[in-house]
Amino acid sequence: MSAPVPLQEVKTELTAAPYRSDPARIQELRQLLLSSLQKHTPCDCILLSGGVDTSILAEAAFHVYNQSPDKLPHQRPLTGAVTVLCTDQATDEFYATQIAAKTGLVQEVVKITLDSVLEELEFCIKTLQTFDPMELRNSIVIARGLSVAKSLGYLTVMTGDGADELFAGYSFLHNMSAERLQAYSDKLTKTMRFAGVKLAEALGLKLVQPYLDPEIIAFSQQCTRDEKINYHDHPVDREWQDRLSGRQLHGKFILREAFEMEAFSAWRKKEPIEVGSGTTILPKMFQESMGSEELEREQQRILEEEGIKIRDVEHLQYFKVFKKVFGDDLSTYPEKLKKDGRDPCPGCGFNLTTPDQTFCVICGQWPARILPPPEEIAKVATAGVVKTGSE
């Protein structure tokens, strides 16, 4: 997570002619992704949100299959799709259904209530070892999709993990200067992690992540800011499909260009998983379940007894399940959940997992550092001793 970037850092400018990446670069990325998909053939199923990332994978996989000279069924990269929807306001259904029909995927649309999606909460907390609302709000959707895929007999599941990190899909990156974007992208490439990996492993499934092919990662690191973030003019005849009109700013620009002729969602507006699936109303649902006075009492009690800062009702509910899963005896907690004061998060007291971590993956605290990590303090202290001794 990163702090908002001042608007004056924006470098992308509107021009009379819309931007186009170098055709050779577009083709190179296209071939790299098609090659990555071929490496993962066959693959049973895809978690199909209908966003640009999974749209490209599903439709590029369909292209790979149709280019095969024999088109044997067992060689098809994908055969099934699972789409998880939590409310009638979920935006994914329109796109995912169109893509599945277009590519001949056997689609399972899972429409569940928000109450039932929380059935995945204990599994997610136990597997991911967290009570961070943002992490869990996203992960319960992935967990339900993977669980349904397993129940349908699928063994291998494809996801669109990595495209946002590699090609600047997140909106908070779009105001960054080229220099800052490069530095932040390099950091994301080294630190990105995906809940689906652990969730799939816990369910006995194999997860396939075509965007994380080493050659695609290397290509992304060589991309310019213009190749990642730029403006696209939405044609009038695509407005019903894109749900956008006129000139719009997009991340993952060159990736969209590489598959704009076949990907139904090539120029769909980026929406977080909780928007597409409909879990955005979880905070409101929790908020309505408890009065402010009761919340304040619980916050004070947990702060005094546990040393943990509870931010809101949703955070409280996840923490209660966390305690149910792991208990009260800290000595029995997994290695990740250490609370020995070596490098504590100011929000929960559990140790931060890496020296440069600014976001707590356990409680979701940001910023999660008041002081530099212990290693840096030690370096400064050592340097000071050496300097003093030489004077």
Foldseek 3Di string as FASTA:
>chain_A
DDDFDDLVQFDFDDDPDFDDDDPVLLQVLLVLLLVLLQVQWAFEEEAQQLAQLNLCVLFSLLVSLVPDPVSDVRRRNYAAYEYAAADPQFARPVRRVVSCVVSVHHYDYHYHHPVVLCVCLLVLCLQLVALAVVQSLLVSRLLVRLVVCVVVPGAEYEYSPDLCLLFVQDPSLNSHHQVVSLVSSVVCLVDPDDSNCRSCVVVNHHYRHSCNDVVNSVSSSPDTNCQFKHKDADDPVCCVQQVDHGIDIGGSRSVLVSCVVGRSNSNHRDDDSCRNRVSPCVQVVQQVVDDPVVVVVVQVVCCVPQVAGQDGRSSVVSVVSSCVNQPDDQVRDDPQFDQPQQAAFNHGRGHADDQPQQARRHRGDGRRDPDHHPVVVVVVVVVVVVVVVVD
